[in-house]
Structures are given as C-alpha cells and as structure tokens.
Amino acid sequence: MRVIIVDDEPLARAVLREHLAAHPDVAIVGECANGFEAVKAIGELAPDLVFLDIQMPRLDGFEVVELAGTRTHYVFVTAYDQFALRAFEVHAIDYLLKPFARARLDAALAHARTRLGGQAAQAAGLQAVVQEAAQRNTPLTRVLIRDGARVHVVPAADIDYIEAQDDYIAVCAGGRRWLKSQRLSELEAQLDPQAFLRVHRSYIVNVGAVARIEPTGRDSHCAVLRDGTRIPVSRSGYARVRDLIR
C-alpha cells in the first residue's frame, strides 16, 4: 500500500510515520507540509492512500480532495470532532481524531485494506465530502482552479462573471479566463447571493462589476460590465438584477 502523509505539523507527520513503520505492507512514498504540495504529490505519485489533515494553511484538506480528485483514497486526520464526523457520515474510508493511539491507526488501515477494491463507491463518497465542505464554508471567499500542475486561487471578490460551457465553467476575473470542471448551479450555491447573481441560465455576474443594464430588444436586456463586457440577461434575471443595482 503506497501512502502519502499530509500535515503542516512536523510532529504529527512523525507520529504517523512511526506508527506506519510497524506495517510491512505500507510504503510511505511522500510527505507534504501543505495542501499545494499534497495536490502536486498526489498527481505525480498516485498513492493508494493519503492520510490528510483538514486544518492547514493555504489549502485545507477538503480543498486538496477537490483539486487532487478521487482516484486515490483518503483517511482524514483532524483535531476537530465536527470535521471528522462529517467525513464519516459521507463514507470516507476513516478518520483519525488527534491524538490517536496506535490501535486506532491499525483499525483505519484495516478499513483501507478492505475497501481499496471499491473505487467507484469511494469516489462517490469523497465527492460528497467535498460538497459537504463547500456547503459548510459558504459563501466562498475564493475559487480554486487546477490548470495542469498549477493551482490558481481566485478571490471571489475579483470575479467579474462566470459562464457555463458544456461540462465546464469559465471563471472570468480582471481580463483573465480560467476553465473549471464544475456545474454552474453548484458554484452558484456556494457564492454570496448578495454579491453574485444568476442573470441567465448560462451566466452569473458579480453585481459590483455591473455598470448598467441596457435593452437589446422589446423584452430582452444585457448587463454591461465596467470593462465593457456584455452579458445576456433573461427576463427573470432582469427583475433580480434591476432591484439590486438600482
């Protein structure tokens, strides 16, 4: 079993490393001190199992799962009951509540060995972890976008608009455009409804980026952003945006 340890505390990594050394079928292929390192290592090393802390600077454990994907398996490691319980409820392989005993780690490894064959079911469970975390942390203050080996962290306040494009969304901020694999409705539910408005089935706009609303026909309108971008506005969207920017 190829394992990566992710924790920003050196002592916590050392405890895991010592306990895992007692298991001859476990090979530690990497250690990471933050979420960015973890995303890169998981992509490059493709481990079977990741022991993943939740509370870390820059990227937390749930954000690591969002960016690294569900092709690997995760055991969440946390000092906070509420995070561990949520992970358990959505069928993550296991959680370790700090401080944990060697026997508790042994049990987590036993669970991992049992479930390593159930990849599809585990992927569904981990996706639920990500969605649960997203709901817990609303409204979003930043949007994470993976671009190959790079990760872009876009402050929500900087986003001008978001456009649906087939199975992706385009996040547009400051003249730049990033593609993210996510549904528009899912991101809409995570954003601050006082700052972001769904004006069309394919568009969400930052209300603060709207300069004016212009008619484009008898019953049609568009939102003109401060940079000149024109966004179509549906009838229902017009009623909402008119009330917010008047």
C-alpha atoms as a PDB file:
ATOM      1  CA  MET A   1       0.000   0.000   0.000  1.00  0.00           C
ATOM      2  CA  ARG A   2       1.600   3.252  -1.198  1.00  0.00           C
ATOM      3  CA  VAL A   3       0.900   6.059   1.269  1.00  0.00           C
ATOM      4  CA  ILE A   4       1.347   9.848   1.420  1.00  0.00           C
ATOM      5  CA  ILE A   5       1.238  11.762   4.715  1.00  0.00           C
ATOM      6  CA  VAL A   6      -0.078  15.348   4.613  1.00  0.00           C
ATOM      7  CA  ASP A   7       0.096  17.545   7.719  1.00  0.00           C
ATOM      8  CA  ASP A   8       1.541  21.000   8.380  1.00  0.00           C
ATOM      9  CA  GLU A   9       2.845  19.893  11.785  1.00  0.00           C
ATOM     10  CA  PRO A  10       6.199  18.007  11.665  1.00  0.00           C
ATOM     11  CA  LEU A  11       5.417  16.189  14.932  1.00  0.00           C
ATOM     12  CA  ALA A  12       2.102  14.908  13.561  1.00  0.00           C
ATOM     13  CA  ARG A  13       3.860  13.578  10.444  1.00  0.00           C
ATOM     14  CA  ALA A  14       6.494  11.923  12.627  1.00  0.00           C
ATOM     15  CA  VAL A  15       3.843  10.156  14.746  1.00  0.00           C
ATOM     16  CA  LEU A  16       2.130   8.782  11.638  1.00  0.00           C
ATOM     17  CA  ARG A  17       5.458   7.739  10.139  1.00  0.00           C
ATOM     18  CA  GLU A  18       6.432   5.864  13.314  1.00  0.00           C
ATOM     19  CA  HIS A  19       3.105   4.028  13.565  1.00  0.00           C
ATOM     20  CA  LEU A  20       3.045   3.132   9.866  1.00  0.00           C
ATOM     21  CA  ALA A  21       6.549   1.648  10.107  1.00  0.00           C
ATOM     22  CA  ALA A  22       5.043  -1.270  12.022  1.00  0.00           C
ATOM     23  CA  HIS A  23       3.111  -2.347   8.904  1.00  0.00           C
ATOM     24  CA  PRO A  24       5.331  -4.122   6.376  1.00  0.00           C
ATOM     25  CA  ASP A  25       2.749  -3.793   3.597  1.00  0.00           C
ATOM     26  CA  VAL A  26       2.829   0.032   3.841  1.00  0.00           C
ATOM     27  CA  ALA A  27       5.345   2.120   1.892  1.00  0.00           C
ATOM     28  CA  ILE A  28       5.439   5.868   2.587  1.00  0.00           C
ATOM     29  CA  VAL A  29       6.117   7.405  -0.824  1.00  0.00           C
ATOM     30  CA  GLY A  30       5.793  11.043   0.176  1.00  0.00           C
ATOM     31  CA  GLU A  31       5.246  13.594   2.940  1.00  0.00           C
ATOM     32  CA  CYS A  32       3.741  17.037   2.464  1.00  0.00           C
ATOM     33  CA  ALA A  33       3.570  20.034   4.771  1.00  0.00           C
ATOM     34  CA  ASN A  34       0.793  21.928   2.987  1.00  0.00           C
ATOM     35  CA  GLY A  35      -2.082  21.485   0.591  1.00  0.00           C
ATOM     36  CA  PHE A  36      -0.287  22.711  -2.516  1.00  0.00           C
ATOM     37  CA  GLU A  37       2.490  20.172  -2.014  1.00  0.00           C
ATOM     38  CA  ALA A  38      -0.145  17.490  -1.465  1.00  0.00           C
ATOM     39  CA  VAL A  39      -2.012  18.185  -4.708  1.00  0.00           C
ATOM     40  CA  LYS A  40       1.239  18.003  -6.669  1.00  0.00           C
ATOM     41  CA  ALA A  41       2.430  14.836  -4.907  1.00  0.00           C
ATOM     42  CA  ILE A  42      -0.887  13.019  -5.313  1.00  0.00           C
ATOM     43  CA  GLY A  43      -0.916  13.816  -9.024  1.00  0.00           C
ATOM     44  CA  GLU A  44       2.665  12.689  -9.563  1.00  0.00           C
ATOM     45  CA  LEU A  45       2.858   9.679  -7.223  1.00  0.00           C
ATOM     46  CA  ALA A  46      -0.705   8.290  -7.495  1.00  0.00           C
ATOM     47  CA  PRO A  47      -0.743   6.813  -3.966  1.00  0.00           C
ATOM     48  CA  ASP A  48      -3.221   4.198  -2.814  1.00  0.00           C
ATOM     49  CA  LEU A  49      -3.962   6.066   0.406  1.00  0.00           C
ATOM     50  CA  VAL A  50      -3.471   9.581   1.758  1.00  0.00           C
ATOM     51  CA  PHE A  51      -3.505  10.474   5.448  1.00  0.00           C
ATOM     52  CA  LEU A  52      -4.816  14.022   5.132  1.00  0.00           C
ATOM     53  CA  ASP A  53      -5.009  16.736   7.768  1.00  0.00           C
ATOM     54  CA  ILE A  54      -8.011  19.046   7.447  1.00  0.00           C
ATOM     55  CA  GLN A  55      -6.939  22.319   9.059  1.00  0.00           C
ATOM     56  CA  MET A  56      -3.910  23.561   7.103  1.00  0.00           C
ATOM     57  CA  PRO A  57      -2.808  26.987   5.815  1.00  0.00           C
ATOM     58  CA  ARG A  58      -3.391  27.980   2.176  1.00  0.00           C
ATOM     59  CA  LEU A  59      -5.425  24.887   1.228  1.00  0.00           C
ATOM     60  CA  ASP A  60      -7.408  22.780   3.690  1.00  0.00           C
ATOM     61  CA  GLY A  61      -7.889  19.033   3.406  1.00  0.00           C
ATOM     62  CA  PHE A  62     -11.239  19.282   1.611  1.00  0.00           C
ATOM     63  CA  GLU A  63      -9.763  21.642  -0.970  1.00  0.00           C
ATOM     64  CA  VAL A  64      -6.939  19.152  -1.543  1.00  0.00           C
ATOM     65  CA  VAL A  65      -9.524  16.457  -2.323  1.00  0.00           C
ATOM     66  CA  GLU A  66     -11.334  18.827  -4.691  1.00  0.00           C
ATOM     67  CA  LEU A  67      -8.155  19.560  -6.636  1.00  0.00           C
ATOM     68  CA  ALA A  68      -6.446  16.159  -6.462  1.00  0.00           C
ATOM     69  CA  GLY A  69      -9.566  14.168  -7.283  1.00  0.00           C
ATOM     70  CA  THR A  70     -10.956  10.905  -6.019  1.00  0.00           C
ATOM     71  CA  ARG A  71      -8.760   8.395  -7.813  1.00  0.00           C
ATOM     72  CA  THR A  72      -6.925   7.816  -4.556  1.00  0.00           C
ATOM     73  CA  HIS A  73      -8.321   7.022  -1.086  1.00  0.00           C
ATOM     74  CA  TYR A  74      -8.246   9.318   1.929  1.00  0.00           C
ATOM     75  CA  VAL A  75      -8.190   8.944   5.695  1.00  0.00           C
ATOM     76  CA  PHE A  76      -8.892  12.317   7.262  1.00  0.00           C
ATOM     77  CA  VAL A  77      -6.767  13.334  10.234  1.00  0.00           C
ATOM     78  CA  THR A  78      -8.120  16.109  12.429  1.00  0.00           C
ATOM     79  CA  ALA A  79      -8.252  17.541  15.924  1.00  0.00           C
ATOM     80  CA  TYR A  80     -11.832  18.719  15.385  1.00  0.00           C
ATOM     81  CA  ASP A  81     -14.824  16.459  16.008  1.00  0.00           C
ATOM     82  CA  GLN A  82     -17.156  18.227  13.592  1.00  0.00           C
ATOM     83  CA  PHE A  83     -14.933  17.673  10.553  1.00  0.00           C
ATOM     84  CA  ALA A  84     -14.297  14.027  11.339  1.00  0.00           C
ATOM     85  CA  LEU A  85     -17.978  13.295  11.888  1.00  0.00           C
ATOM     86  CA  ARG A  86     -18.960  14.839   8.575  1.00  0.00           C
ATOM     87  CA  ALA A  87     -16.326  12.806   6.770  1.00  0.00           C
ATOM     88  CA  PHE A  88     -17.595   9.646   8.468  1.00  0.00           C
ATOM     89  CA  GLU A  89     -21.204  10.361   7.569  1.00  0.00           C
ATOM     90  CA  VAL A  90     -20.414  10.596   3.852  1.00  0.00           C
ATOM     91  CA  HIS A  91     -18.418   7.334   3.886  1.00  0.00           C
ATOM     92  CA  ALA A  92     -14.827   8.485   3.721  1.00  0.00           C
ATOM     93  CA  ILE A  93     -12.620   5.462   4.443  1.00  0.00           C
ATOM     94  CA  ASP A  94     -11.985   6.592   8.016  1.00  0.00           C
ATOM     95  CA  TYR A  95     -10.853   9.451  10.205  1.00  0.00           C
ATOM     96  CA  LEU A  96      -8.286   9.769  12.942  1.00  0.00           C
ATOM     97  CA  LEU A  97      -9.072  12.167  15.732  1.00  0.00           C
ATOM     98  CA  LYS A  98      -5.868  13.676  17.161  1.00  0.00           C
ATOM     99  CA  PRO A  99      -4.356  12.484  19.415  1.00  0.00           C
ATOM    100  CA  PHE A 100      -4.887   8.893  18.335  1.00  0.00           C
ATOM    101  CA  ALA A 101      -3.476   5.601  19.611  1.00  0.00           C
ATOM    102  CA  ARG A 102      -1.563   3.074  17.518  1.00  0.00           C
ATOM    103  CA  ALA A 103      -4.549   0.706  17.698  1.00  0.00           C
ATOM    104  CA  ARG A 104      -6.768   3.388  16.143  1.00  0.00           C
ATOM    105  CA  LEU A 105      -4.387   3.771  13.221  1.00  0.00           C
ATOM    106  CA  ASP A 106      -4.283  -0.013  12.816  1.00  0.00           C
ATOM    107  CA  ALA A 107      -8.070  -0.020  12.549  1.00  0.00           C
ATOM    108  CA  ALA A 108      -8.006   2.728   9.906  1.00  0.00           C
ATOM    109  CA  LEU A 109      -5.511   0.720   7.852  1.00  0.00           C
ATOM    110  CA  ALA A 110      -7.710  -2.359   8.152  1.00  0.00           C
ATOM    111  CA  HIS A 111     -10.634  -0.351   6.785  1.00  0.00           C
ATOM    112  CA  ALA A 112      -8.459   0.876   3.932  1.00  0.00           C
ATOM    113  CA  ARG A 113      -7.336  -2.646   3.007  1.00  0.00           C
ATOM    114  CA  THR A 114     -10.957  -3.813   2.974  1.00  0.00           C
ATOM    115  CA  ARG A 115     -12.177  -1.005   0.774  1.00  0.00           C
ATOM    116  CA  LEU A 116      -9.335  -0.496  -1.683  1.00  0.00           C
ATOM    117  CA  GLY A 117     -11.312  -2.532  -4.207  1.00  0.00           C
ATOM    118  CA  GLY A 118     -14.392  -0.317  -4.038  1.00  0.00           C
ATOM    119  CA  GLN A 119     -13.025   2.606  -6.042  1.00  0.00           C
ATOM    120  CA  ALA A 120     -16.291   3.753  -7.612  1.00  0.00           C
ATOM    121  CA  ALA A 121     -18.187   3.794  -4.343  1.00  0.00           C
ATOM    122  CA  GLN A 122     -15.331   5.568  -2.616  1.00  0.00           C
ATOM    123  CA  ALA A 123     -15.159   8.236  -5.315  1.00  0.00           C
ATOM    124  CA  ALA A 124     -18.849   8.984  -4.793  1.00  0.00           C
ATOM    125  CA  GLY A 125     -18.315   9.232  -1.044  1.00  0.00           C
ATOM    126  CA  LEU A 126     -15.404  11.625  -1.392  1.00  0.00           C
ATOM    127  CA  GLN A 127     -17.333  13.819  -3.791  1.00  0.00           C
ATOM    128  CA  ALA A 128     -19.961  14.086  -1.069  1.00  0.00           C
ATOM    129  CA  VAL A 129     -17.220  15.127   1.381  1.00  0.00           C
ATOM    130  CA  VAL A 130     -16.233  17.951  -0.949  1.00  0.00           C
ATOM    131  CA  GLN A 131     -19.843  19.070  -1.407  1.00  0.00           C
ATOM    132  CA  GLU A 132     -20.475  18.920   2.344  1.00  0.00           C
ATOM    133  CA  ALA A 133     -17.376  21.028   2.985  1.00  0.00           C
ATOM    134  CA  ALA A 134     -18.422  23.517   0.338  1.00  0.00           C
ATOM    135  CA  GLN A 135     -21.858  23.920   1.931  1.00  0.00           C
ATOM    136  CA  ARG A 136     -20.312  24.307   5.378  1.00  0.00           C
ATOM    137  CA  ASN A 137     -17.956  27.050   4.229  1.00  0.00           C
ATOM    138  CA  THR A 138     -20.397  29.163   2.202  1.00  0.00           C
ATOM    139  CA  PRO A 139     -20.147  31.775   0.995  1.00  0.00           C
ATOM    140  CA  LEU A 140     -16.883  31.096  -0.790  1.00  0.00           C
ATOM    141  CA  THR A 141     -14.161  33.683  -0.426  1.00  0.00           C
ATOM    142  CA  ARG A 142     -12.013  32.096  -3.147  1.00  0.00           C
ATOM    143  CA  VAL A 143     -12.367  29.723  -6.068  1.00  0.00           C
ATOM    144  CA  LEU A 144      -9.719  27.043  -6.694  1.00  0.00           C
ATOM    145  CA  ILE A 145      -8.889  26.185 -10.307  1.00  0.00           C
ATOM    146  CA  ARG A 146      -6.458  23.494 -11.373  1.00  0.00           C
ATOM    147  CA  ASP A 147      -4.528  24.159 -14.586  1.00  0.00           C
ATOM    148  CA  GLY A 148      -2.284  21.169 -15.245  1.00  0.00           C
ATOM    149  CA  ALA A 149       0.275  21.134 -12.446  1.00  0.00           C
ATOM    150  CA  ARG A 150      -0.631  24.679 -11.361  1.00  0.00           C
ATOM    151  CA  VAL A 151      -3.360  25.787  -8.961  1.00  0.00           C
ATOM    152  CA  HIS A 152      -4.956  29.217  -9.338  1.00  0.00           C
ATOM    153  CA  VAL A 153      -6.582  30.745  -6.273  1.00  0.00           C
ATOM    154  CA  VAL A 154      -9.024  33.410  -7.456  1.00  0.00           C
ATOM    155  CA  PRO A 155     -10.552  35.668  -4.763  1.00  0.00           C
ATOM    156  CA  ALA A 156     -14.320  35.645  -5.175  1.00  0.00           C
ATOM    157  CA  ALA A 157     -14.454  39.437  -4.921  1.00  0.00           C
ATOM    158  CA  ASP A 158     -12.226  39.688  -8.034  1.00  0.00           C
ATOM    159  CA  ILE A 159     -14.528  37.609 -10.237  1.00  0.00           C
ATOM    160  CA  ASP A 160     -16.437  39.643 -12.840  1.00  0.00           C
ATOM    161  CA  TYR A 161     -18.639  36.864 -14.188  1.00  0.00           C
ATOM    162  CA  ILE A 162     -18.895  33.092 -14.597  1.00  0.00           C
ATOM    163  CA  GLU A 163     -20.083  31.397 -17.785  1.00  0.00           C
ATOM    164  CA  ALA A 164     -21.332  27.829 -18.280  1.00  0.00           C
ATOM    165  CA  GLN A 165     -19.543  25.956 -21.071  1.00  0.00           C
ATOM    166  CA  ASP A 166     -20.741  22.374 -21.580  1.00  0.00           C
ATOM    167  CA  ASP A 167     -19.268  20.345 -18.688  1.00  0.00           C
ATOM    168  CA  TYR A 168     -17.118  23.260 -17.507  1.00  0.00           C
ATOM    169  CA  ILE A 169     -17.485  26.798 -16.259  1.00  0.00           C
ATOM    170  CA  ALA A 170     -15.343  29.755 -17.288  1.00  0.00           C
ATOM    171  CA  VAL A 171     -14.327  31.959 -14.360  1.00  0.00           C
ATOM    172  CA  CYS A 172     -13.524  35.470 -15.610  1.00  0.00           C
ATOM    173  CA  ALA A 173     -11.647  37.977 -13.465  1.00  0.00           C
ATOM    174  CA  GLY A 174      -9.570  41.016 -14.344  1.00  0.00           C
ATOM    175  CA  GLY A 175      -9.442  40.191 -18.039  1.00  0.00           C
ATOM    176  CA  ARG A 176      -8.300  36.596 -17.436  1.00  0.00           C
ATOM    177  CA  ARG A 177     -10.319  33.441 -18.000  1.00  0.00           C
ATOM    178  CA  TRP A 178      -9.946  30.007 -16.372  1.00  0.00           C
ATOM    179  CA  LEU A 179     -11.849  26.798 -17.051  1.00  0.00           C
ATOM    180  CA  LYS A 180     -13.030  24.729 -14.093  1.00  0.00           C
ATOM    181  CA  SER A 181     -14.780  21.357 -14.096  1.00  0.00           C
ATOM    182  CA  GLN A 182     -17.892  22.204 -12.115  1.00  0.00           C
ATOM    183  CA  ARG A 183     -21.588  22.851 -12.691  1.00  0.00           C
ATOM    184  CA  LEU A 184     -22.721  26.467 -12.708  1.00  0.00           C
ATOM    185  CA  SER A 185     -25.572  25.712 -10.289  1.00  0.00           C
ATOM    186  CA  GLU A 186     -23.140  24.117  -7.817  1.00  0.00           C
ATOM    187  CA  LEU A 187     -20.877  27.165  -7.740  1.00  0.00           C
ATOM    188  CA  GLU A 188     -23.894  29.479  -7.568  1.00  0.00           C
ATOM    189  CA  ALA A 189     -24.986  27.788  -4.339  1.00  0.00           C
ATOM    190  CA  GLN A 190     -21.565  28.442  -2.787  1.00  0.00           C
ATOM    191  CA  LEU A 191     -21.243  32.137  -3.672  1.00  0.00           C
ATOM    192  CA  ASP A 192     -22.580  35.080  -1.658  1.00  0.00           C
ATOM    193  CA  PRO A 193     -26.099  35.742  -3.066  1.00  0.00           C
ATOM    194  CA  GLN A 194     -25.769  39.417  -2.157  1.00  0.00           C
ATOM    195  CA  ALA A 195     -22.705  39.773  -4.386  1.00  0.00           C
ATOM    196  CA  PHE A 196     -23.341  37.279  -7.217  1.00  0.00           C
ATOM    197  CA  LEU A 197     -26.488  36.949  -9.279  1.00  0.00           C
ATOM    198  CA  ARG A 198     -27.643  34.380 -11.837  1.00  0.00           C
ATOM    199  CA  VAL A 199     -28.852  36.653 -14.646  1.00  0.00           C
ATOM    200  CA  HIS A 200     -29.138  33.950 -17.301  1.00  0.00           C
ATOM    201  CA  ARG A 201     -29.139  30.157 -17.386  1.00  0.00           C
ATOM    202  CA  SER A 202     -25.503  30.329 -18.552  1.00  0.00           C
ATOM    203  CA  TYR A 203     -24.201  33.354 -16.625  1.00  0.00           C
ATOM    204  CA  ILE A 204     -23.551  34.534 -13.079  1.00  0.00           C
ATOM    205  CA  VAL A 205     -22.351  38.120 -12.625  1.00  0.00           C
ATOM    206  CA  ASN A 206     -20.694  39.967  -9.790  1.00  0.00           C
ATOM    207  CA  VAL A 207     -23.170  42.757  -9.058  1.00  0.00           C
ATOM    208  CA  GLY A 208     -20.300  45.095  -8.252  1.00  0.00           C
ATOM    209  CA  ALA A 209     -18.896  44.635 -11.765  1.00  0.00           C
ATOM    210  CA  VAL A 210     -22.122  45.745 -13.492  1.00  0.00           C
ATOM    211  CA  ALA A 211     -22.011  49.286 -14.857  1.00  0.00           C
ATOM    212  CA  ARG A 212     -25.516  49.387 -16.341  1.00  0.00           C
ATOM    213  CA  ILE A 213     -28.374  47.369 -17.830  1.00  0.00           C
ATOM    214  CA  GLU A 214     -29.274  48.044 -21.456  1.00  0.00           C
ATOM    215  CA  PRO A 215     -32.269  46.923 -23.529  1.00  0.00           C
ATOM    216  CA  THR A 216     -31.357  44.817 -26.564  1.00  0.00           C
ATOM    217  CA  GLY A 217     -34.877  44.285 -27.857  1.00  0.00           C
ATOM    218  CA  ARG A 218     -38.510  44.531 -26.912  1.00  0.00           C
ATOM    219  CA  ASP A 219     -38.253  42.158 -23.946  1.00  0.00           C
ATOM    220  CA  SER A 220     -34.520  41.466 -23.756  1.00  0.00           C
ATOM    221  CA  HIS A 221     -31.657  43.103 -21.910  1.00  0.00           C
ATOM    222  CA  CYS A 222     -27.934  42.772 -21.325  1.00  0.00           C
ATOM    223  CA  ALA A 223     -25.667  43.677 -18.445  1.00  0.00           C
ATOM    224  CA  VAL A 224     -22.740  45.888 -19.429  1.00  0.00           C
ATOM    225  CA  LEU A 225     -19.801  45.337 -17.094  1.00  0.00           C
ATOM    226  CA  ARG A 226     -17.308  48.019 -16.147  1.00  0.00           C
ATOM    227  CA  ASP A 227     -14.772  46.576 -18.607  1.00  0.00           C
ATOM    228  CA  GLY A 228     -17.308  46.704 -21.455  1.00  0.00           C
ATOM    229  CA  THR A 229     -18.213  43.001 -21.460  1.00  0.00           C
ATOM    230  CA  ARG A 230     -21.854  42.428 -22.391  1.00  0.00           C
ATOM    231  CA  ILE A 231     -23.740  39.613 -20.621  1.00  0.00           C
ATOM    232  CA  PRO A 232     -27.209  38.461 -21.763  1.00  0.00           C
ATOM    233  CA  VAL A 233     -29.933  38.845 -19.134  1.00  0.00           C
ATOM    234  CA  SER A 234     -33.061  36.702 -19.069  1.00  0.00           C
ATOM    235  CA  ARG A 235     -36.488  38.032 -18.048  1.00  0.00           C
ATOM    236  CA  SER A 236     -36.245  36.595 -14.548  1.00  0.00           C
ATOM    237  CA  GLY A 237     -32.625  37.695 -14.301  1.00  0.00           C
ATOM    238  CA  TYR A 238     -33.566  41.238 -15.297  1.00  0.00           C
ATOM    239  CA  ALA A 239     -36.081  41.538 -12.468  1.00  0.00           C
ATOM    240  CA  ARG A 240     -33.462  40.417  -9.925  1.00  0.00           C
ATOM    241  CA  VAL A 241     -30.543  42.493 -11.191  1.00  0.00           C
ATOM    242  CA  ARG A 242     -32.706  45.617 -11.648  1.00  0.00           C
ATOM    243  CA  ASP A 243     -33.662  45.539  -7.980  1.00  0.00           C
ATOM    244  CA  LEU A 244     -30.079  45.023  -6.814  1.00  0.00           C
ATOM    245  CA  ILE A 245     -28.323  47.739  -8.823  1.00  0.00           C
ATOM    246  CA  ARG A 246     -30.976  50.458  -8.861  1.00  0.00           C
END
